Amino acid sequence: MQADPQMLRSIVIVGGGSAGWMTAAALANAVGKSIAITLIESDAIGTVGVGEATIPPIQSFNTRLGISEADFLRATRGSYKLGIEFVGWGAADSRYFHPFGTYGADFDRVTLHHWWLRERLRGDTTPIDDYAMCWALARENRFGPPVDNVRDVRSTHAYAYHFDAGLYARFLRDYAETRGVRREEGRITHVARQGESGLLTAVTLDDGRMIEGDFFVDCSGFAGLLIGRTMETPFESWAHWLPCDRAVALPCANTGPITPYTRATAHAAGWQWRIPLQHRQGNGHVYCSAVMSDDEALGVLRDHLDAPAIADPRVLRFTAGRRRQAWVGNCVAIGLAGGFLEPLESTSLHLIQTGIERLLLLLPDRGHDPLNALEYNRATALEYERIRDFIILHYHANTRDEPFWRQCAATPVPDELAYKLRHWTGSGRLVAPQDELFRNPSWLAVYLGQGLVPDRYDTMADLRAAEVDPPAQLRRLRELMRAAAQTFPAHDAVLARFAPQPAA
């Protein structure tokens, strides 16, 4: 059978880093050598490279590529992640945990959080965290994958990873090049377009080489070389909702056990990340430059490191938002070229992953049907906006007393977020759609963790309380989780067994 003459013959990826090499690896895995794939990057142009924390769907990305977990952790010096601990987002000493997986196990038709709300209004001060298997493990620095038995409380947690994003890109480069991806070194000095259609046809490098393509993927980071500078796609700023526009990153040595969770600590004009890897600890301070200078932000970060810094600080400048269109003509933007949301909920690499997945589902031929781009842009916009709203919730629901935080709390929120908040504050109802990245347990974690506790709950709880004995059921669930956590090994021991690393 003859090949379709309209089939793409070549794809050009502009930019390396996590976005470029994740795209190259996934395309090579999906289409083999039937389409020529070229990636252009320059060693002289640095990458952002601080996307070190992830969420559970990253597992499916690696699995589709046939990458074993042990090989991945060894190559990236990674560790496991059960969720995020938030510190100081209410009172200065407040803490809560956003777990992966679910809260406990429903023991009745009334969902667990309504029983928790009912007992809280009756004087029970047990935090909702105590009903998350992820937290039962995380606070003990233990880890193990969930068991394959839905009747076992040890099946209710999920996990992701912390890893060195630069090493991950290097690992995927080897993977992609082995499968036929060609890497070209150089800076792009010119982009050629067809006069009538406006489609991209080729890029010229600084040494005069011209590289042609049928389809182009812009992974050039904040520069947006193709999608922004060439296709002139506008950028929609969300700075009025998410005013932080700087981050300073500064790694330090690990101290003590490698914790299986990320930490996000609020400061006067932003927040600090703490990400433990096998060979070091990633740290960074995200802040608002209108309130705090770069030097002040670095000082805050240095004052809150667990150990002395082991590298020079890097300051990153950004604006929260996205391109109005991620796909224009025969060009799609993936990663920072398409948009940016601060890494509060570790979504940077996930947005790369889903961008790639949508591209594979909608991969065009050389006819470039505009319906492909239309659907890609619709789905991408919806995903970005829903993640944006979840991040806004953290700022809106804060109860800190600094001017920056008071302003964040007072800023009106987007309509869909306002709708969710009305349901929650009015009746404790969770209404996150099932196709949303952050589902009901995630919203529950932030609502309750930051003090948004409704004074009503499902009336069915009162109707069924006599049959259920909720205090006894909740107590039993807590005891089961504490006991179950003790059956898992220490996180450090798991890493030593499956992904040992030489000294850095």
Protein backbone atom coordinates (compact mmCIF):
# COMPACT_ATOMS: atom_id res chain seq x y z
CA MET A 1 0.00 0.00 0.00
CA GLN A 2 1.32 3.42 -0.94
CA ALA A 3 1.86 6.01 1.75
CA ASP A 4 -0.63 8.87 1.85
CA PRO A 5 0.97 11.66 -0.21
CA GLN A 6 -0.52 14.19 2.23
CA MET A 7 1.16 12.60 5.27
CA LEU A 8 3.64 14.78 7.13
CA ARG A 9 7.18 14.11 5.99
CA SER A 10 9.04 16.20 8.56
CA ILE A 11 8.54 17.83 11.94
CA VAL A 12 10.93 20.47 13.28
CA ILE A 13 11.13 21.09 17.04
CA VAL A 14 12.65 24.46 17.94
CA GLY A 15 14.24 24.32 21.39
CA GLY A 16 15.43 21.58 23.71
CA GLY A 17 15.07 21.40 27.47
CA SER A 18 12.22 19.43 29.04
CA ALA A 19 9.62 20.59 26.50
CA GLY A 20 11.71 19.89 23.43
CA TRP A 21 13.03 16.49 24.41
CA MET A 22 9.74 15.27 25.90
CA THR A 23 8.13 16.20 22.57
CA ALA A 24 10.88 14.55 20.55
CA ALA A 25 10.78 11.36 22.60
CA ALA A 26 6.99 11.07 22.44
CA LEU A 27 6.86 11.74 18.69
CA ALA A 28 9.64 9.25 17.98
CA ASN A 29 7.87 6.64 20.08
CA ALA A 30 4.54 7.26 18.35
CA VAL A 31 5.51 7.60 14.67
CA GLY A 32 8.83 5.78 14.55
CA LYS A 33 10.90 6.79 11.55
CA SER A 34 7.94 7.35 9.22
CA ILE A 35 8.26 11.09 9.83
CA ALA A 36 11.68 12.79 9.97
CA ILE A 37 12.00 14.58 13.32
CA THR A 38 14.62 17.29 13.82
CA LEU A 39 15.28 19.16 17.06
CA ILE A 40 17.20 22.43 16.97
CA GLU A 41 18.82 23.77 20.12
CA SER A 42 21.81 25.86 21.07
CA ASP A 43 24.15 25.04 23.94
CA ALA A 44 24.69 28.80 24.24
CA ILE A 45 21.04 29.33 25.18
CA GLY A 46 20.19 28.17 28.68
CA THR A 47 16.96 26.50 29.78
CA VAL A 48 14.78 27.37 32.76
CA GLY A 49 15.29 23.90 34.23
CA VAL A 50 13.57 24.24 37.62
CA GLY A 51 10.56 22.02 36.90
CA GLU A 52 11.65 19.42 39.40
CA ALA A 53 8.34 18.44 41.01
CA THR A 54 5.54 16.63 39.22
CA ILE A 55 2.07 15.17 39.65
CA PRO A 56 0.96 11.53 39.16
CA PRO A 57 0.18 11.60 35.39
CA ILE A 58 3.93 11.76 34.67
CA GLN A 59 3.92 8.02 35.35
CA SER A 60 1.74 7.41 32.29
CA PHE A 61 4.06 9.48 30.10
CA ASN A 62 7.08 7.38 31.05
CA THR A 63 5.09 4.15 30.79
CA ARG A 64 4.00 4.94 27.22
CA LEU A 65 7.64 5.44 26.31
CA GLY A 66 8.52 2.08 27.87
CA ILE A 67 10.75 3.69 30.52
CA SER A 68 11.06 1.74 33.76
CA GLU A 69 10.67 3.61 37.02
CA ALA A 70 14.03 2.45 38.33
CA ASP A 71 15.89 3.55 35.18
CA PHE A 72 14.12 6.90 35.29
CA LEU A 73 14.93 7.54 38.97
CA ARG A 74 18.55 6.51 38.49
CA ALA A 75 19.00 8.77 35.46
CA THR A 76 17.34 11.82 37.04
CA ARG A 77 18.46 11.29 40.67
CA GLY A 78 14.82 11.40 41.56
CA SER A 79 12.75 10.73 44.65
CA TYR A 80 9.09 10.01 45.27
CA LYS A 81 6.40 12.58 45.94
CA LEU A 82 3.15 11.97 47.83
CA GLY A 83 1.87 15.54 47.77
CA ILE A 84 2.65 19.09 48.89
CA GLU A 85 2.87 20.46 52.41
CA PHE A 86 1.71 24.09 52.60
CA VAL A 87 3.19 26.15 55.42
CA GLY A 88 2.03 29.60 56.52
CA TRP A 89 -0.80 30.10 54.04
CA GLY A 90 -3.07 30.96 56.95
CA ALA A 91 -1.48 31.88 60.27
CA ALA A 92 2.33 31.94 60.27
CA ASP A 93 2.52 28.47 61.87
CA SER A 94 -0.34 26.89 59.91
CA ARG A 95 0.28 23.72 57.93
CA TYR A 96 -1.77 21.47 55.71
CA PHE A 97 -1.12 18.73 53.18
CA HIS A 98 -2.42 18.46 49.61
CA PRO A 99 -2.27 14.70 49.05
CA PHE A 100 -2.34 12.66 45.88
CA GLY A 101 -5.09 10.08 45.84
CA THR A 102 -8.23 10.31 47.96
CA TYR A 103 -9.21 10.98 51.54
CA GLY A 104 -9.71 7.71 53.36
CA ALA A 105 -12.42 5.39 52.15
CA ASP A 106 -16.11 6.16 52.10
CA PHE A 107 -17.91 3.99 54.66
CA ASP A 108 -21.39 5.17 53.72
CA ARG A 109 -23.34 6.82 50.91
CA VAL A 110 -22.49 10.15 52.57
CA THR A 111 -18.99 11.13 51.46
CA LEU A 112 -16.26 11.24 54.08
CA HIS A 113 -15.75 14.99 54.18
CA HIS A 114 -19.40 15.57 55.14
CA TRP A 115 -18.98 13.22 58.10
CA TRP A 116 -15.80 15.13 58.97
CA LEU A 117 -17.68 18.46 58.77
CA ARG A 118 -20.49 17.12 60.94
CA GLU A 119 -18.13 15.93 63.67
CA ARG A 120 -16.08 19.12 63.53
CA LEU A 121 -19.18 21.18 64.28
CA ARG A 122 -19.64 18.87 67.27
CA GLY A 123 -16.18 19.61 68.63
CA ASP A 124 -13.87 17.08 66.91
CA THR A 125 -10.62 18.93 66.08
CA THR A 126 -8.99 16.16 64.02
CA PRO A 127 -7.50 17.72 60.84
CA ILE A 128 -8.69 16.37 57.51
CA ASP A 129 -5.04 15.48 56.78
CA ASP A 130 -5.38 12.53 59.17
CA TYR A 131 -7.69 10.82 56.69
CA ALA A 132 -5.20 10.86 53.79
CA MET A 133 -2.99 7.81 53.32
CA CYS A 134 -0.47 10.04 51.56
CA TRP A 135 -0.04 12.12 54.71
CA ALA A 136 0.10 9.04 56.93
CA LEU A 137 3.12 7.97 54.87
CA ALA A 138 4.65 11.40 54.30
CA ARG A 139 4.83 12.43 57.95
CA GLU A 140 6.70 9.18 58.70
CA ASN A 141 9.01 9.59 55.66
CA ARG A 142 7.77 6.26 54.34
CA PHE A 143 6.90 5.22 50.81
CA GLY A 144 5.54 2.36 48.76
CA PRO A 145 3.23 2.07 45.76
CA PRO A 146 -0.48 1.56 46.42
CA VAL A 147 -1.62 -2.05 46.77
CA ASP A 148 -3.88 -3.57 44.14
CA ASN A 149 -6.90 -4.12 46.37
CA VAL A 150 -9.63 -1.48 46.55
CA ARG A 151 -10.80 -2.85 49.91
CA ASP A 152 -7.40 -2.07 51.47
CA VAL A 153 -6.78 1.48 52.75
CA ARG A 154 -3.26 1.15 51.30
CA SER A 155 -4.81 1.42 47.83
CA THR A 156 -6.04 4.99 48.38
CA HIS A 157 -2.84 6.95 47.78
CA ALA A 158 -1.05 7.95 44.58
CA TYR A 159 2.40 9.36 43.88
CA ALA A 160 4.60 11.33 41.52
CA TYR A 161 8.30 12.25 41.54
CA HIS A 162 10.88 14.90 42.26
CA PHE A 163 13.76 14.85 39.78
CA ASP A 164 16.44 16.92 38.07
CA ALA A 165 14.75 18.38 34.98
CA GLY A 166 18.08 18.87 33.21
CA LEU A 167 18.99 15.22 33.69
CA TYR A 168 15.52 14.20 32.49
CA ALA A 169 16.01 16.18 29.27
CA ARG A 170 19.40 14.51 28.78
CA PHE A 171 17.87 11.07 29.41
CA LEU A 172 15.09 11.73 26.87
CA ARG A 173 17.60 13.08 24.36
CA ASP A 174 19.40 9.72 24.41
CA TYR A 175 16.03 7.98 24.08
CA ALA A 176 14.95 10.14 21.14
CA GLU A 177 18.23 10.07 19.23
CA THR A 178 18.35 6.28 19.52
CA ARG A 179 14.97 6.27 17.76
CA GLY A 180 16.02 8.47 14.88
CA VAL A 181 15.55 12.05 16.07
CA ARG A 182 18.21 14.30 14.58
CA ARG A 183 19.61 17.09 16.75
CA GLU A 184 20.98 20.25 15.12
CA GLU A 185 23.10 22.68 17.12
CA GLY A 186 22.69 26.37 16.40
CA ARG A 187 20.78 29.60 16.85
CA ILE A 188 17.89 30.43 14.55
CA THR A 189 18.41 33.69 12.69
CA HIS A 190 15.51 33.60 10.23
CA VAL A 191 12.11 31.93 9.88
CA ALA A 192 10.61 31.52 6.41
CA ARG A 193 6.86 31.54 5.67
CA GLN A 194 4.71 30.99 2.62
CA GLY A 195 3.46 34.30 1.37
CA GLU A 196 -0.19 33.38 0.82
CA SER A 197 -0.93 30.83 3.55
CA GLY A 198 1.46 32.15 6.18
CA LEU A 199 2.57 28.58 6.95
CA LEU A 200 6.11 28.09 8.19
CA THR A 201 8.44 26.45 5.69
CA ALA A 202 11.97 26.57 7.09
CA VAL A 203 14.33 28.03 9.65
CA THR A 204 17.85 29.27 9.00
CA LEU A 205 20.65 28.78 11.54
CA ASP A 206 23.48 31.15 12.35
CA ASP A 207 25.92 29.14 10.21
CA GLY A 208 23.66 29.47 7.14
CA ARG A 209 22.09 26.00 7.22
CA MET A 210 18.41 25.89 6.29
CA ILE A 211 16.15 23.28 7.85
CA GLU A 212 12.78 22.72 6.19
CA GLY A 213 9.71 21.20 7.75
CA ASP A 214 6.04 20.42 7.18
CA PHE A 215 5.12 21.08 10.81
CA PHE A 216 6.88 23.03 13.57
CA VAL A 217 6.77 22.72 17.37
CA ASP A 218 7.84 25.80 19.30
CA CYS A 219 9.65 24.74 22.47
CA SER A 220 11.76 27.90 22.65
CA GLY A 221 10.60 28.82 26.15
CA PHE A 222 9.59 32.33 27.14
CA ALA A 223 11.11 33.65 23.89
CA GLY A 224 8.24 32.15 21.86
CA LEU A 225 10.40 32.40 18.75
CA LEU A 226 7.84 30.88 16.38
CA ILE A 227 4.45 31.30 18.04
CA GLY A 228 5.11 34.82 19.30
CA ARG A 229 7.77 36.56 17.23
CA THR A 230 6.90 34.94 13.90
CA MET A 231 3.21 34.02 14.06
CA GLU A 232 2.54 37.11 16.23
CA THR A 233 0.13 35.29 18.54
CA PRO A 234 -0.87 37.58 21.44
CA PHE A 235 -0.13 36.67 25.05
CA GLU A 236 -2.98 36.94 27.56
CA SER A 237 -1.69 38.11 30.94
CA TRP A 238 -3.24 36.85 34.17
CA ALA A 239 -1.05 39.04 36.37
CA HIS A 240 -4.09 40.74 37.94
CA TRP A 241 -5.00 37.37 39.51
CA LEU A 242 -1.48 35.96 39.90
CA PRO A 243 0.82 38.95 40.54
CA CYS A 244 4.03 37.03 41.29
CA ASP A 245 6.40 37.65 38.37
CA ARG A 246 9.84 36.59 39.59
CA ALA A 247 11.52 33.52 41.02
CA VAL A 248 15.01 33.06 42.40
CA ALA A 249 16.29 29.48 42.45
CA LEU A 250 19.10 28.32 44.75
CA PRO A 251 19.92 24.65 45.43
CA CYS A 252 21.46 23.43 48.67
CA ALA A 253 22.67 20.15 50.12
CA ASN A 254 20.23 17.63 51.55
CA THR A 255 19.98 17.39 55.31
CA GLY A 256 18.34 14.50 57.11
CA PRO A 257 16.07 12.02 55.36
CA ILE A 258 14.83 12.71 51.83
CA THR A 259 11.20 13.64 52.43
CA PRO A 260 8.64 12.15 50.00
CA TYR A 261 6.80 15.43 49.48
CA THR A 262 7.28 18.99 48.26
CA ARG A 263 6.93 21.95 50.61
CA ALA A 264 5.49 25.38 49.72
CA THR A 265 6.07 28.02 52.43
CA ALA A 266 4.38 31.41 52.22
CA HIS A 267 6.47 34.54 52.82
CA ALA A 268 5.63 38.25 52.86
CA ALA A 269 5.25 38.67 49.09
CA GLY A 270 5.19 35.16 47.67
CA TRP A 271 6.24 31.63 48.58
CA GLN A 272 9.21 29.27 48.69
CA TRP A 273 9.51 25.80 47.21
CA ARG A 274 11.53 22.97 48.72
CA ILE A 275 12.08 19.91 46.52
CA PRO A 276 14.29 17.06 47.81
CA LEU A 277 16.26 15.09 45.22
CA GLN A 278 18.78 12.32 45.82
CA HIS A 279 21.82 14.52 45.27
CA ARG A 280 20.59 17.92 46.41
CA GLN A 281 17.60 19.97 47.48
CA GLY A 282 15.92 22.33 45.05
CA ASN A 283 14.82 25.66 46.52
CA GLY A 284 13.23 28.73 45.07
CA HIS A 285 11.35 31.86 46.06
CA VAL A 286 8.44 33.01 43.87
CA TYR A 287 7.59 36.65 44.55
CA CYS A 288 6.01 39.88 43.31
CA SER A 289 8.61 42.38 42.09
CA ALA A 290 6.21 45.28 42.70
CA VAL A 291 6.43 44.52 46.43
CA MET A 292 9.86 42.94 46.90
CA SER A 293 13.21 43.55 45.19
CA ASP A 294 15.38 40.77 43.79
CA ASP A 295 17.95 41.27 46.57
CA GLU A 296 15.27 41.13 49.26
CA ALA A 297 13.80 37.98 47.74
CA LEU A 298 17.20 36.30 47.63
CA GLY A 299 17.79 37.28 51.25
CA VAL A 300 14.52 35.70 52.32
CA LEU A 301 15.41 32.52 50.47
CA ARG A 302 18.92 32.30 51.94
CA ASP A 303 17.49 32.83 55.44
CA HIS A 304 15.19 29.83 55.00
CA LEU A 305 17.53 27.26 53.42
CA ASP A 306 18.05 23.99 55.28
CA ALA A 307 21.78 23.98 54.41
CA PRO A 308 24.38 26.20 52.69
CA ALA A 309 23.80 26.89 48.99
CA ILE A 310 25.80 24.81 46.53
CA ALA A 311 25.41 27.02 43.42
CA ASP A 312 24.85 30.61 42.41
CA PRO A 313 21.28 31.96 42.44
CA ARG A 314 19.32 32.32 39.22
CA VAL A 315 16.57 34.92 38.85
CA LEU A 316 13.72 34.11 36.45
CA ARG A 317 11.28 36.70 35.14
CA PHE A 318 7.82 35.70 33.92
CA THR A 319 4.20 36.71 33.54
CA ALA A 320 1.40 34.30 34.36
CA GLY A 321 -0.81 33.69 31.35
CA ARG A 322 -1.02 31.92 28.01
CA ARG A 323 -0.98 32.47 24.27
CA ARG A 324 -4.43 33.24 22.90
CA GLN A 325 -3.80 30.40 20.46
CA ALA A 326 -1.30 27.63 21.12
CA TRP A 327 -1.62 26.28 17.55
CA VAL A 328 -1.55 28.60 14.54
CA GLY A 329 -1.20 27.34 10.97
CA ASN A 330 1.42 24.60 11.05
CA CYS A 331 2.99 25.68 14.36
CA VAL A 332 2.11 24.57 17.88
CA ALA A 333 3.67 25.93 21.08
CA ILE A 334 4.43 23.48 23.87
CA GLY A 335 5.81 24.40 27.28
CA LEU A 336 6.74 27.96 28.23
CA ALA A 337 6.33 29.17 24.65
CA GLY A 338 2.59 28.53 25.03
CA GLY A 339 2.04 29.80 28.55
CA PHE A 340 3.22 29.90 32.14
CA LEU A 341 1.66 29.16 35.51
CA GLU A 342 3.81 29.41 38.60
CA PRO A 343 4.89 26.01 39.95
CA LEU A 344 2.76 26.13 43.11
CA GLU A 345 1.01 22.87 42.22
CA SER A 346 3.82 21.37 40.12
CA THR A 347 1.98 21.61 36.79
CA SER A 348 4.77 22.86 34.50
CA LEU A 349 5.86 19.47 33.16
CA HIS A 350 2.26 18.24 33.17
CA LEU A 351 1.23 21.01 30.78
CA ILE A 352 4.05 19.92 28.48
CA GLN A 353 2.82 16.34 28.73
CA THR A 354 -0.80 17.13 27.92
CA GLY A 355 0.24 19.46 25.11
CA ILE A 356 2.15 16.58 23.54
CA GLU A 357 -0.76 14.16 24.07
CA ARG A 358 -3.17 16.54 22.33
CA LEU A 359 -0.71 16.98 19.46
CA LEU A 360 -0.51 13.21 18.97
CA LEU A 361 -4.30 12.96 18.95
CA LEU A 362 -4.66 15.79 16.44
CA LEU A 363 -1.49 15.33 14.38
CA PRO A 364 -2.31 16.88 10.99
CA ASP A 365 -1.36 16.02 7.47
CA ARG A 366 0.09 18.53 5.02
CA GLY A 367 -3.39 19.86 4.34
CA HIS A 368 -3.35 21.48 7.80
CA ASP A 369 -7.09 21.31 8.42
CA PRO A 370 -7.87 24.28 10.71
CA LEU A 371 -10.25 22.07 12.74
CA ASN A 372 -7.22 20.39 14.29
CA ALA A 373 -5.89 23.69 15.58
CA LEU A 374 -9.37 24.78 16.67
CA GLU A 375 -9.83 21.73 18.89
CA TYR A 376 -6.29 21.90 20.23
CA ASN A 377 -6.74 25.52 21.21
CA ARG A 378 -10.14 24.91 22.81
CA ALA A 379 -8.86 22.08 25.00
CA THR A 380 -5.62 23.86 25.86
CA ALA A 381 -7.38 27.06 26.91
CA LEU A 382 -9.79 25.14 29.14
CA GLU A 383 -6.98 23.22 30.82
CA TYR A 384 -4.88 26.32 31.48
CA GLU A 385 -7.85 28.27 32.84
CA ARG A 386 -8.93 25.51 35.24
CA ILE A 387 -5.41 25.07 36.58
CA ARG A 388 -5.13 28.85 36.84
CA ASP A 389 -8.30 28.96 38.94
CA PHE A 390 -6.99 26.28 41.30
CA ILE A 391 -3.79 28.26 41.85
CA ILE A 392 -5.75 31.48 42.34
CA LEU A 393 -7.72 29.73 45.10
CA HIS A 394 -4.55 29.44 47.22
CA TYR A 395 -4.04 33.20 47.05
CA HIS A 396 -7.70 34.13 47.40
CA ALA A 397 -8.26 31.90 50.44
CA ASN A 398 -5.16 33.04 52.35
CA THR A 399 -5.60 34.69 55.75
CA ARG A 400 -2.21 36.36 56.11
CA ASP A 401 -2.00 40.00 57.17
CA GLU A 402 0.69 41.48 54.86
CA PRO A 403 -0.46 44.02 52.20
CA PHE A 404 0.41 41.67 49.33
CA TRP A 405 -1.72 38.86 50.73
CA ARG A 406 -4.61 41.13 51.71
CA GLN A 407 -4.72 42.39 48.13
CA CYS A 408 -4.70 38.82 46.77
CA ALA A 409 -7.61 37.87 49.02
CA ALA A 410 -9.59 40.95 47.96
CA THR A 411 -9.16 40.52 44.19
CA PRO A 412 -12.36 39.26 42.48
CA VAL A 413 -11.90 35.74 41.10
CA PRO A 414 -12.88 34.27 37.69
CA ASP A 415 -16.50 33.25 37.28
CA GLU A 416 -16.02 29.47 37.34
CA LEU A 417 -13.95 29.69 40.52
CA ALA A 418 -16.57 31.94 42.10
CA TYR A 419 -19.22 29.34 41.24
CA LYS A 420 -17.23 26.57 42.92
CA LEU A 421 -16.66 28.73 45.99
CA ARG A 422 -20.38 29.47 46.34
CA HIS A 423 -21.19 25.76 46.34
CA TRP A 424 -18.48 25.02 48.88
CA THR A 425 -19.05 27.84 51.34
CA GLY A 426 -22.83 27.45 51.16
CA SER A 427 -23.17 23.71 51.67
CA GLY A 428 -19.79 21.96 51.58
CA ARG A 429 -20.50 20.75 48.04
CA LEU A 430 -17.60 19.91 45.71
CA VAL A 431 -18.33 20.51 42.03
CA ALA A 432 -15.04 20.07 40.17
CA PRO A 433 -15.73 18.40 36.76
CA GLN A 434 -14.47 14.85 36.34
CA ASP A 435 -12.32 15.84 33.35
CA GLU A 436 -10.52 18.53 35.35
CA LEU A 437 -6.91 17.93 36.36
CA PHE A 438 -7.51 18.86 40.01
CA ARG A 439 -10.55 16.92 41.17
CA ASN A 440 -12.60 17.09 44.33
CA PRO A 441 -9.98 15.78 46.82
CA SER A 442 -7.55 18.50 45.72
CA TRP A 443 -10.11 21.27 46.12
CA LEU A 444 -11.06 19.83 49.50
CA ALA A 445 -7.42 19.95 50.64
CA VAL A 446 -7.05 23.66 49.87
CA TYR A 447 -10.50 24.71 51.06
CA LEU A 448 -10.08 23.10 54.48
CA GLY A 449 -6.34 23.60 54.72
CA GLN A 450 -6.73 27.36 54.34
CA GLY A 451 -9.66 27.67 56.69
CA LEU A 452 -12.62 27.74 54.30
CA VAL A 453 -14.82 25.54 56.50
CA PRO A 454 -18.54 25.74 55.68
CA ASP A 455 -21.01 25.78 58.54
CA ARG A 456 -23.32 23.35 56.74
CA TYR A 457 -22.95 19.78 55.51
CA ASP A 458 -25.03 17.21 53.66
CA THR A 459 -28.32 16.82 55.56
CA MET A 460 -28.23 13.12 54.71
CA ALA A 461 -25.50 12.78 57.34
CA ASP A 462 -27.95 13.61 60.13
CA LEU A 463 -30.53 11.22 58.69
CA ARG A 464 -28.04 8.33 58.64
CA ALA A 465 -25.93 9.08 61.72
CA ALA A 466 -27.78 6.62 64.00
CA GLU A 467 -27.04 3.75 61.61
CA VAL A 468 -23.43 4.68 60.91
CA ASP A 469 -21.89 5.80 64.23
CA PRO A 470 -19.64 8.35 62.49
CA PRO A 471 -17.25 9.06 65.43
CA ALA A 472 -16.39 5.37 65.67
CA GLN A 473 -16.02 4.98 61.90
CA LEU A 474 -13.73 8.01 61.63
CA ARG A 475 -11.63 6.86 64.57
CA ARG A 476 -11.28 3.39 63.03
CA LEU A 477 -10.20 4.89 59.71
CA ARG A 478 -7.50 7.00 61.36
CA GLU A 479 -6.19 4.01 63.27
CA LEU A 480 -6.16 1.86 60.14
CA MET A 481 -4.12 4.46 58.27
CA ARG A 482 -1.60 4.95 61.05
CA ALA A 483 -1.11 1.18 61.28
CA ALA A 484 -0.98 0.76 57.50
CA ALA A 485 1.74 3.41 57.17
CA GLN A 486 3.99 1.33 59.42
CA THR A 487 3.91 -1.53 56.91
CA PHE A 488 5.74 0.58 54.30
CA PRO A 489 9.54 0.99 54.26
CA ALA A 490 11.43 4.25 54.79
CA HIS A 491 11.61 6.44 51.69
CA ASP A 492 15.43 6.50 51.80
CA ALA A 493 15.49 2.71 51.94
CA VAL A 494 13.28 2.46 48.85
CA LEU A 495 15.54 4.83 46.94
CA ALA A 496 18.64 2.93 48.02
CA ARG A 497 17.15 -0.36 46.82
CA PHE A 498 15.70 0.68 43.48
CA ALA A 499 17.63 3.76 42.44
CA PRO A 500 20.99 3.95 44.22
CA GLN A 501 23.15 6.94 43.34
CA PRO A 502 26.88 7.58 43.58
CA ALA A 503 27.92 10.55 45.66
CA ALA A 504 27.25 13.83 43.84
